[in-house]
Amino acid sequence: MKATDLIGDFTITGSNQNEGDTSYEGILSLDVDKNNRIKASWLIENEQQQYGTSFFKNNILVINFEYLGEDSELYRGVVVYQCLTKDILDGFWSEEYGNPQFLGIERCFRIKNDPLEIN
């Protein structure tokens, strides 16, 4: 698999980096820059924007991300996805102010524009 195989939009379901069952949904968009590095952007619960840049090797995608919190503070973290296929990503994440006893989890499924598209 190549970085360009991952270009596109994915629905995401996940849970936050804490003890409770705080799940969320959103959209992950992946693109590549001129150096074939993946650029990521998330829209969580239709309100929170997050952005990141990544490394990709051996079907593992590592993205350093950041976002502006409701308190106007900048938060940073890292997410690691195992690319099960180019259409399914299985990941875990942590951010600097999250509870260090837990990891967030995230699963991503490619959004297909053509309902007849077969991979």
Protein backbone atom coordinates (compact mmCIF):
# COMPACT_ATOMS: atom_id res chain seq x y z
CA MET A 1 0.00 0.00 0.00
CA LYS A 2 1.19 3.55 -0.82
CA ALA A 3 0.33 6.84 0.88
CA THR A 4 -1.69 7.89 -2.18
CA ASP A 5 -3.95 4.83 -1.72
CA LEU A 6 -5.29 6.47 1.44
CA ILE A 7 -6.45 9.73 -0.18
CA GLY A 8 -10.12 10.33 0.51
CA ASP A 9 -12.75 10.76 3.20
CA PHE A 10 -13.58 8.34 6.02
CA THR A 11 -16.36 8.15 8.58
CA ILE A 12 -14.95 7.73 12.06
CA THR A 13 -16.23 6.36 15.31
CA GLY A 14 -14.14 6.62 18.41
CA SER A 15 -13.90 7.03 22.14
CA ASN A 16 -11.98 9.61 24.12
CA GLN A 17 -8.89 9.21 26.24
CA ASN A 18 -10.64 8.79 29.58
CA GLU A 19 -12.31 6.24 31.82
CA GLY A 20 -15.91 6.94 30.78
CA ASP A 21 -17.71 5.82 27.68
CA THR A 22 -17.44 9.10 25.80
CA SER A 23 -17.83 8.16 22.18
CA TYR A 24 -17.86 10.46 19.16
CA GLU A 25 -18.32 10.40 15.40
CA GLY A 26 -16.92 12.47 12.59
CA ILE A 27 -15.15 12.64 9.26
CA LEU A 28 -11.46 12.17 8.53
CA SER A 29 -10.10 13.57 5.25
CA LEU A 30 -6.69 12.45 3.97
CA ASP A 31 -4.69 14.05 1.16
CA VAL A 32 -1.01 14.14 0.19
CA ASP A 33 1.31 17.10 -0.24
CA LYS A 34 3.93 17.54 -2.98
CA ASN A 35 6.32 15.28 -1.01
CA ASN A 36 3.73 12.45 -0.74
CA ARG A 37 3.29 13.11 2.98
CA ILE A 38 -0.26 12.62 4.17
CA LYS A 39 -2.15 15.65 5.46
CA ALA A 40 -5.13 14.94 7.70
CA SER A 41 -8.13 16.93 8.83
CA TRP A 42 -10.91 15.79 11.14
CA LEU A 43 -14.33 17.22 11.77
CA ILE A 44 -15.54 15.79 15.08
CA GLU A 45 -19.27 15.94 15.87
CA ASN A 46 -19.72 18.59 13.13
CA GLU A 47 -17.99 21.22 15.24
CA GLN A 48 -14.37 20.56 16.19
CA GLN A 49 -11.68 20.88 13.49
CA GLN A 50 -8.37 19.08 13.93
CA TYR A 51 -5.37 19.03 11.59
CA GLY A 52 -2.26 16.89 11.26
CA THR A 53 0.73 15.74 9.26
CA SER A 54 1.98 12.21 9.10
CA PHE A 55 4.45 9.44 8.45
CA PHE A 56 3.45 6.28 6.58
CA LYS A 57 5.38 3.02 6.47
CA ASN A 58 4.49 -0.70 6.43
CA ASN A 59 0.77 0.09 6.40
CA ILE A 60 1.10 2.10 9.62
CA LEU A 61 -0.01 5.74 9.53
CA VAL A 62 1.24 8.01 12.35
CA ILE A 63 -0.28 11.50 12.49
CA ASN A 64 0.77 14.35 14.75
CA PHE A 65 -2.37 16.44 15.23
CA GLU A 66 -3.50 19.67 16.85
CA TYR A 67 -6.68 21.59 17.48
CA LEU A 68 -7.94 24.69 19.23
CA GLY A 69 -10.01 23.75 22.26
CA GLU A 70 -13.16 25.47 23.51
CA ASP A 71 -10.92 27.29 26.00
CA SER A 72 -8.89 28.74 23.06
CA GLU A 73 -5.87 26.63 24.07
CA LEU A 74 -3.94 24.67 21.44
CA TYR A 75 -3.96 20.91 22.10
CA ARG A 76 -1.57 18.43 20.46
CA GLY A 77 -1.40 14.68 20.21
CA VAL A 78 -0.59 11.69 18.06
CA VAL A 79 -2.77 9.03 16.44
CA VAL A 80 -1.50 5.69 15.10
CA TYR A 81 -3.59 3.86 12.52
CA GLN A 82 -3.03 0.34 11.30
CA CYS A 83 -4.24 0.39 7.70
CA LEU A 84 -6.08 -2.92 7.54
CA THR A 85 -7.00 -2.09 3.94
CA LYS A 86 -7.06 1.18 2.03
CA ASP A 87 -10.69 1.48 3.17
CA ILE A 88 -10.43 0.52 6.87
CA LEU A 89 -8.13 2.14 9.44
CA ASP A 90 -7.93 0.96 13.04
CA GLY A 91 -6.25 3.33 15.45
CA PHE A 92 -5.46 4.62 18.90
CA TRP A 93 -4.45 8.09 20.03
CA SER A 94 -3.23 10.19 22.91
CA GLU A 95 -2.98 13.90 23.48
CA GLU A 96 -0.73 15.85 25.81
CA TYR A 97 -3.39 16.75 28.40
CA GLY A 98 -5.37 13.52 28.19
CA ASN A 99 -5.48 10.95 30.98
CA PRO A 100 -2.19 9.02 30.60
CA GLN A 101 -3.83 5.86 31.97
CA PHE A 102 -6.00 5.55 28.83
CA LEU A 103 -5.76 5.70 25.06
CA GLY A 104 -8.45 7.02 22.76
CA ILE A 105 -9.53 4.65 20.02
CA GLU A 106 -10.75 5.34 16.52
CA ARG A 107 -11.98 3.25 13.60
CA CYS A 108 -12.29 4.74 10.11
CA PHE A 109 -14.27 3.51 7.10
CA ARG A 110 -13.85 4.98 3.62
CA ILE A 111 -16.80 6.97 2.28
CA LYS A 112 -17.49 5.71 -1.20
CA ASN A 113 -18.92 8.21 -3.67
CA ASP A 114 -20.05 5.57 -6.14
CA PRO A 115 -22.37 2.99 -4.56
CA LEU A 116 -21.24 0.45 -7.18
CA GLU A 117 -17.53 0.97 -6.45
CA ILE A 118 -15.77 -2.32 -5.67
CA ASN A 119 -12.29 -2.57 -4.18
